[in-house]
Amino acid sequence: MTQAGLVQFADALVFVHGPMALREAARHADLCERVGDHESADRWRRTMSLVRAKAEQKPVCIN
């Protein structure tokens, strides 16, 4: 998946799961790691980083 695709996926994860998005991504990373799918686990960890970054952004109001 491209970086732009991961950003879009992270946005969708936050939209669907709200404040629980980081926990959801961590759960998937852990599950993938347990079954030996290290590539998918890495992708979920990158998604976690994007979700964290999104959570730290300040909302922008447009008048």
PDB file of N, CA and C in Angstrom:
ATOM      1  N   MET A   1       0.849  -1.165   0.000  1.00  0.00           N
ATOM      2  CA  MET A   1       0.000   0.000   0.000  1.00  0.00           C
ATOM      3  C   MET A   1       0.899   1.232   0.000  1.00  0.00           C
ATOM      4  N   THR A   2       0.514   2.231  -0.751  1.00  0.00           N
ATOM      5  CA  THR A   2       1.293   3.464  -0.808  1.00  0.00           C
ATOM      6  C   THR A   2       1.097   4.282   0.467  1.00  0.00           C
ATOM      7  N   GLN A   3       1.958   5.264   0.672  1.00  0.00           N
ATOM      8  CA  GLN A   3       1.837   6.137   1.844  1.00  0.00           C
ATOM      9  C   GLN A   3       0.493   6.869   1.830  1.00  0.00           C
ATOM     10  N   ALA A   4       0.095   7.339   0.653  1.00  0.00           N
ATOM     11  CA  ALA A   4      -1.195   8.031   0.539  1.00  0.00           C
ATOM     12  C   ALA A   4      -2.343   7.092   0.903  1.00  0.00           C
ATOM     13  N   GLY A   5      -2.232   5.834   0.497  1.00  0.00           N
ATOM     14  CA  GLY A   5      -3.262   4.853   0.844  1.00  0.00           C
ATOM     15  C   GLY A   5      -3.314   4.596   2.339  1.00  0.00           C
ATOM     16  N   LEU A   6      -2.134   4.534   2.977  1.00  0.00           N
ATOM     17  CA  LEU A   6      -2.100   4.337   4.435  1.00  0.00           C
ATOM     18  C   LEU A   6      -2.705   5.530   5.169  1.00  0.00           C
ATOM     19  N   VAL A   7      -2.419   6.737   4.679  1.00  0.00           N
ATOM     20  CA  VAL A   7      -2.988   7.941   5.301  1.00  0.00           C
ATOM     21  C   VAL A   7      -4.503   7.909   5.186  1.00  0.00           C
ATOM     22  N   GLN A   8      -5.006   7.561   4.011  1.00  0.00           N
ATOM     23  CA  GLN A   8      -6.452   7.487   3.814  1.00  0.00           C
ATOM     24  C   GLN A   8      -7.062   6.395   4.696  1.00  0.00           C
ATOM     25  N   PHE A   9      -6.382   5.269   4.811  1.00  0.00           N
ATOM     26  CA  PHE A   9      -6.880   4.190   5.659  1.00  0.00           C
ATOM     27  C   PHE A   9      -6.902   4.616   7.134  1.00  0.00           C
ATOM     28  N   ALA A  10      -5.843   5.307   7.583  1.00  0.00           N
ATOM     29  CA  ALA A  10      -5.791   5.783   8.965  1.00  0.00           C
ATOM     30  C   ALA A  10      -6.930   6.767   9.226  1.00  0.00           C
ATOM     31  N   ASP A  11      -7.198   7.639   8.270  1.00  0.00           N
ATOM     32  CA  ASP A  11      -8.313   8.584   8.411  1.00  0.00           C
ATOM     33  C   ASP A  11      -9.636   7.836   8.556  1.00  0.00           C
ATOM     34  N   ALA A  12      -9.825   6.811   7.730  1.00  0.00           N
ATOM     35  CA  ALA A  12     -11.060   6.021   7.799  1.00  0.00           C
ATOM     36  C   ALA A  12     -11.165   5.283   9.127  1.00  0.00           C
ATOM     37  N   LEU A  13     -10.045   4.780   9.620  1.00  0.00           N
ATOM     38  CA  LEU A  13     -10.030   4.065  10.900  1.00  0.00           C
ATOM     39  C   LEU A  13     -10.461   5.005  12.035  1.00  0.00           C
ATOM     40  N   VAL A  14      -9.949   6.231  12.004  1.00  0.00           N
ATOM     41  CA  VAL A  14     -10.326   7.219  13.021  1.00  0.00           C
ATOM     42  C   VAL A  14     -11.794   7.598  12.862  1.00  0.00           C
ATOM     43  N   PHE A  15     -12.255   7.733  11.630  1.00  0.00           N
ATOM     44  CA  PHE A  15     -13.658   8.085  11.392  1.00  0.00           C
ATOM     45  C   PHE A  15     -14.587   7.015  11.962  1.00  0.00           C
ATOM     46  N   VAL A  16     -14.244   5.757  11.731  1.00  0.00           N
ATOM     47  CA  VAL A  16     -15.107   4.651  12.166  1.00  0.00           C
ATOM     48  C   VAL A  16     -14.975   4.372  13.663  1.00  0.00           C
ATOM     49  N   HIS A  17     -13.743   4.352  14.178  1.00  0.00           N
ATOM     50  CA  HIS A  17     -13.517   3.927  15.562  1.00  0.00           C
ATOM     51  C   HIS A  17     -13.294   5.074  16.544  1.00  0.00           C
ATOM     52  N   GLY A  18     -13.150   6.289  16.033  1.00  0.00           N
ATOM     53  CA  GLY A  18     -12.956   7.448  16.901  1.00  0.00           C
ATOM     54  C   GLY A  18     -11.751   7.268  17.808  1.00  0.00           C
ATOM     55  N   PRO A  19     -11.913   7.562  19.093  1.00  0.00           N
ATOM     56  CA  PRO A  19     -10.782   7.482  20.015  1.00  0.00           C
ATOM     57  C   PRO A  19     -10.245   6.064  20.222  1.00  0.00           C
ATOM     58  N   MET A  20     -10.966   5.072  19.755  1.00  0.00           N
ATOM     59  CA  MET A  20     -10.518   3.685  19.895  1.00  0.00           C
ATOM     60  C   MET A  20      -9.713   3.213  18.677  1.00  0.00           C
ATOM     61  N   ALA A  21      -9.457   4.100  17.723  1.00  0.00           N
ATOM     62  CA  ALA A  21      -8.759   3.715  16.492  1.00  0.00           C
ATOM     63  C   ALA A  21      -7.356   3.189  16.769  1.00  0.00           C
ATOM     64  N   LEU A  22      -6.648   3.823  17.675  1.00  0.00           N
ATOM     65  CA  LEU A  22      -5.293   3.369  17.985  1.00  0.00           C
ATOM     66  C   LEU A  22      -5.311   1.972  18.589  1.00  0.00           C
ATOM     67  N   ARG A  23      -6.239   1.729  19.477  1.00  0.00           N
ATOM     68  CA  ARG A  23      -6.373   0.400  20.090  1.00  0.00           C
ATOM     69  C   ARG A  23      -6.717  -0.646  19.034  1.00  0.00           C
ATOM     70  N   GLU A  24      -7.575  -0.284  18.105  1.00  0.00           N
ATOM     71  CA  GLU A  24      -7.964  -1.213  17.041  1.00  0.00           C
ATOM     72  C   GLU A  24      -6.766  -1.562  16.161  1.00  0.00           C
ATOM     73  N   ALA A  25      -5.977  -0.570  15.784  1.00  0.00           N
ATOM     74  CA  ALA A  25      -4.792  -0.820  14.964  1.00  0.00           C
ATOM     75  C   ALA A  25      -3.781  -1.678  15.730  1.00  0.00           C
ATOM     76  N   ALA A  26      -3.610  -1.406  17.015  1.00  0.00           N
ATOM     77  CA  ALA A  26      -2.676  -2.188  17.839  1.00  0.00           C
ATOM     78  C   ALA A  26      -3.142  -3.638  17.944  1.00  0.00           C
ATOM     79  N   ARG A  27      -4.442  -3.836  18.051  1.00  0.00           N
ATOM     80  CA  ARG A  27      -4.995  -5.189  18.134  1.00  0.00           C
ATOM     81  C   ARG A  27      -4.684  -5.970  16.857  1.00  0.00           C
ATOM     82  N   HIS A  28      -4.879  -5.319  15.725  1.00  0.00           N
ATOM     83  CA  HIS A  28      -4.598  -5.985  14.450  1.00  0.00           C
ATOM     84  C   HIS A  28      -3.106  -6.264  14.290  1.00  0.00           C
ATOM     85  N   ALA A  29      -2.260  -5.320  14.701  1.00  0.00           N
ATOM     86  CA  ALA A  29      -0.809  -5.546  14.608  1.00  0.00           C
ATOM     87  C   ALA A  29      -0.415  -6.749  15.453  1.00  0.00           C
ATOM     88  N   ASP A  30      -0.971  -6.836  16.641  1.00  0.00           N
ATOM     89  CA  ASP A  30      -0.663  -7.953  17.530  1.00  0.00           C
ATOM     90  C   ASP A  30      -1.136  -9.281  16.942  1.00  0.00           C
ATOM     91  N   LEU A  31      -2.345  -9.299  16.409  1.00  0.00           N
ATOM     92  CA  LEU A  31      -2.874 -10.527  15.805  1.00  0.00           C
ATOM     93  C   LEU A  31      -2.025 -10.975  14.619  1.00  0.00           C
ATOM     94  N   CYS A  32      -1.650 -10.041  13.768  1.00  0.00           N
ATOM     95  CA  CYS A  32      -0.816 -10.390  12.609  1.00  0.00           C
ATOM     96  C   CYS A  32       0.532 -10.932  13.060  1.00  0.00           C
ATOM     97  N   GLU A  33       1.111 -10.308  14.076  1.00  0.00           N
ATOM     98  CA  GLU A  33       2.407 -10.767  14.597  1.00  0.00           C
ATOM     99  C   GLU A  33       2.291 -12.189  15.148  1.00  0.00           C
ATOM    100  N   ARG A  34       1.213 -12.458  15.857  1.00  0.00           N
ATOM    101  CA  ARG A  34       1.019 -13.790  16.455  1.00  0.00           C
ATOM    102  C   ARG A  34       0.936 -14.903  15.420  1.00  0.00           C
ATOM    103  N   VAL A  35       0.321 -14.599  14.280  1.00  0.00           N
ATOM    104  CA  VAL A  35       0.183 -15.638  13.256  1.00  0.00           C
ATOM    105  C   VAL A  35       1.363 -15.644  12.288  1.00  0.00           C
ATOM    106  N   GLY A  36       2.337 -14.783  12.532  1.00  0.00           N
ATOM    107  CA  GLY A  36       3.542 -14.781  11.716  1.00  0.00           C
ATOM    108  C   GLY A  36       3.491 -13.923  10.468  1.00  0.00           C
ATOM    109  N   ASP A  37       2.465 -13.112  10.335  1.00  0.00           N
ATOM    110  CA  ASP A  37       2.348 -12.216   9.172  1.00  0.00           C
ATOM    111  C   ASP A  37       3.020 -10.890   9.520  1.00  0.00           C
ATOM    112  N   HIS A  38       4.344 -10.878   9.436  1.00  0.00           N
ATOM    113  CA  HIS A  38       5.126  -9.721   9.871  1.00  0.00           C
ATOM    114  C   HIS A  38       4.941  -8.517   8.954  1.00  0.00           C
ATOM    115  N   GLU A  39       4.698  -8.769   7.682  1.00  0.00           N
ATOM    116  CA  GLU A  39       4.485  -7.667   6.741  1.00  0.00           C
ATOM    117  C   GLU A  39       3.216  -6.895   7.087  1.00  0.00           C
ATOM    118  N   SER A  40       2.132  -7.610   7.354  1.00  0.00           N
ATOM    119  CA  SER A  40       0.878  -6.944   7.731  1.00  0.00           C
ATOM    120  C   SER A  40       0.999  -6.281   9.091  1.00  0.00           C
ATOM    121  N   ALA A  41       1.713  -6.921  10.017  1.00  0.00           N
ATOM    122  CA  ALA A  41       1.915  -6.322  11.341  1.00  0.00           C
ATOM    123  C   ALA A  41       2.657  -4.997  11.213  1.00  0.00           C
ATOM    124  N   ASP A  42       3.658  -4.951  10.340  1.00  0.00           N
ATOM    125  CA  ASP A  42       4.394  -3.710  10.112  1.00  0.00           C
ATOM    126  C   ASP A  42       3.488  -2.637   9.520  1.00  0.00           C
ATOM    127  N   ARG A  43       2.629  -3.048   8.588  1.00  0.00           N
ATOM    128  CA  ARG A  43       1.687  -2.096   7.989  1.00  0.00           C
ATOM    129  C   ARG A  43       0.743  -1.538   9.052  1.00  0.00           C
ATOM    130  N   TRP A  44       0.275  -2.378   9.975  1.00  0.00           N
ATOM    131  CA  TRP A  44      -0.594  -1.907  11.055  1.00  0.00           C
ATOM    132  C   TRP A  44       0.158  -0.976  12.006  1.00  0.00           C
ATOM    133  N   ARG A  45       1.440  -1.245  12.229  1.00  0.00           N
ATOM    134  CA  ARG A  45       2.230  -0.351  13.087  1.00  0.00           C
ATOM    135  C   ARG A  45       2.421   1.018  12.433  1.00  0.00           C
ATOM    136  N   ARG A  46       2.615   1.022  11.116  1.00  0.00           N
ATOM    137  CA  ARG A  46       2.705   2.304  10.407  1.00  0.00           C
ATOM    138  C   ARG A  46       1.373   3.039  10.482  1.00  0.00           C
ATOM    139  N   THR A  47       0.277   2.286  10.400  1.00  0.00           N
ATOM    140  CA  THR A  47      -1.049   2.886  10.549  1.00  0.00           C
ATOM    141  C   THR A  47      -1.216   3.471  11.947  1.00  0.00           C
ATOM    142  N   MET A  48      -0.713   2.761  12.959  1.00  0.00           N
ATOM    143  CA  MET A  48      -0.776   3.279  14.329  1.00  0.00           C
ATOM    144  C   MET A  48      -0.060   4.627  14.433  1.00  0.00           C
ATOM    145  N   SER A  49       1.087   4.744  13.803  1.00  0.00           N
ATOM    146  CA  SER A  49       1.834   6.008  13.828  1.00  0.00           C
ATOM    147  C   SER A  49       1.028   7.132  13.192  1.00  0.00           C
ATOM    148  N   LEU A  50       0.360   6.827  12.099  1.00  0.00           N
ATOM    149  CA  LEU A  50      -0.461   7.833  11.434  1.00  0.00           C
ATOM    150  C   LEU A  50      -1.663   8.226  12.285  1.00  0.00           C
ATOM    151  N   VAL A  51      -2.266   7.258  12.953  1.00  0.00           N
ATOM    152  CA  VAL A  51      -3.401   7.550  13.837  1.00  0.00           C
ATOM    153  C   VAL A  51      -2.941   8.436  14.997  1.00  0.00           C
ATOM    154  N   ARG A  52      -1.774   8.134  15.576  1.00  0.00           N
ATOM    155  CA  ARG A  52      -1.224   8.975  16.650  1.00  0.00           C
ATOM    156  C   ARG A  52      -1.007  10.401  16.167  1.00  0.00           C
ATOM    157  N   ALA A  53      -0.423  10.540  14.987  1.00  0.00           N
ATOM    158  CA  ALA A  53      -0.159  11.869  14.431  1.00  0.00           C
ATOM    159  C   ALA A  53      -1.460  12.624  14.202  1.00  0.00           C
ATOM    160  N   LYS A  54      -2.474  11.920  13.734  1.00  0.00           N
ATOM    161  CA  LYS A  54      -3.766  12.560  13.494  1.00  0.00           C
ATOM    162  C   LYS A  54      -4.386  13.012  14.818  1.00  0.00           C
ATOM    163  N   ALA A  55      -4.214  12.231  15.870  1.00  0.00           N
ATOM    164  CA  ALA A  55      -4.789  12.570  17.167  1.00  0.00           C
ATOM    165  C   ALA A  55      -4.119  13.814  17.746  1.00  0.00           C
ATOM    166  N   GLU A  56      -2.853  14.057  17.383  1.00  0.00           N
ATOM    167  CA  GLU A  56      -2.118  15.204  17.913  1.00  0.00           C
ATOM    168  C   GLU A  56      -2.415  16.494  17.148  1.00  0.00           C
ATOM    169  N   GLN A  57      -3.040  16.382  15.987  1.00  0.00           N
ATOM    170  CA  GLN A  57      -3.354  17.565  15.185  1.00  0.00           C
ATOM    171  C   GLN A  57      -4.477  18.358  15.843  1.00  0.00           C
ATOM    172  N   LYS A  58      -4.371  19.656  15.752  1.00  0.00           N
ATOM    173  CA  LYS A  58      -5.428  20.520  16.270  1.00  0.00           C
ATOM    174  C   LYS A  58      -6.496  20.677  15.197  1.00  0.00           C
ATOM    175  N   PRO A  59      -7.764  20.670  15.605  1.00  0.00           N
ATOM    176  CA  PRO A  59      -8.836  20.842  14.616  1.00  0.00           C
ATOM    177  C   PRO A  59      -8.755  22.227  13.979  1.00  0.00           C
ATOM    178  N   VAL A  60      -9.134  22.294  12.736  1.00  0.00           N
ATOM    179  CA  VAL A  60      -9.123  23.565  11.996  1.00  0.00           C
ATOM    180  C   VAL A  60     -10.558  23.981  11.734  1.00  0.00           C
ATOM    181  N   CYS A  61     -10.887  25.211  12.116  1.00  0.00           N
ATOM    182  CA  CYS A  61     -12.218  25.756  11.854  1.00  0.00           C
ATOM    183  C   CYS A  61     -12.141  26.659  10.646  1.00  0.00           C
ATOM    184  N   ILE A  62     -13.057  26.475   9.751  1.00  0.00           N
ATOM    185  CA  ILE A  62     -13.129  27.325   8.568  1.00  0.00           C
ATOM    186  C   ILE A  62     -14.435  28.104   8.665  1.00  0.00           C
ATOM    187  N   ASN A  63     -14.303  29.400   8.664  1.00  0.00           N
ATOM    188  CA  ASN A  63     -15.496  30.266   8.764  1.00  0.00           C
ATOM    189  C   ASN A  63     -15.948  30.729   7.416  1.00  0.00           C
TER     190      ASN A  63
END
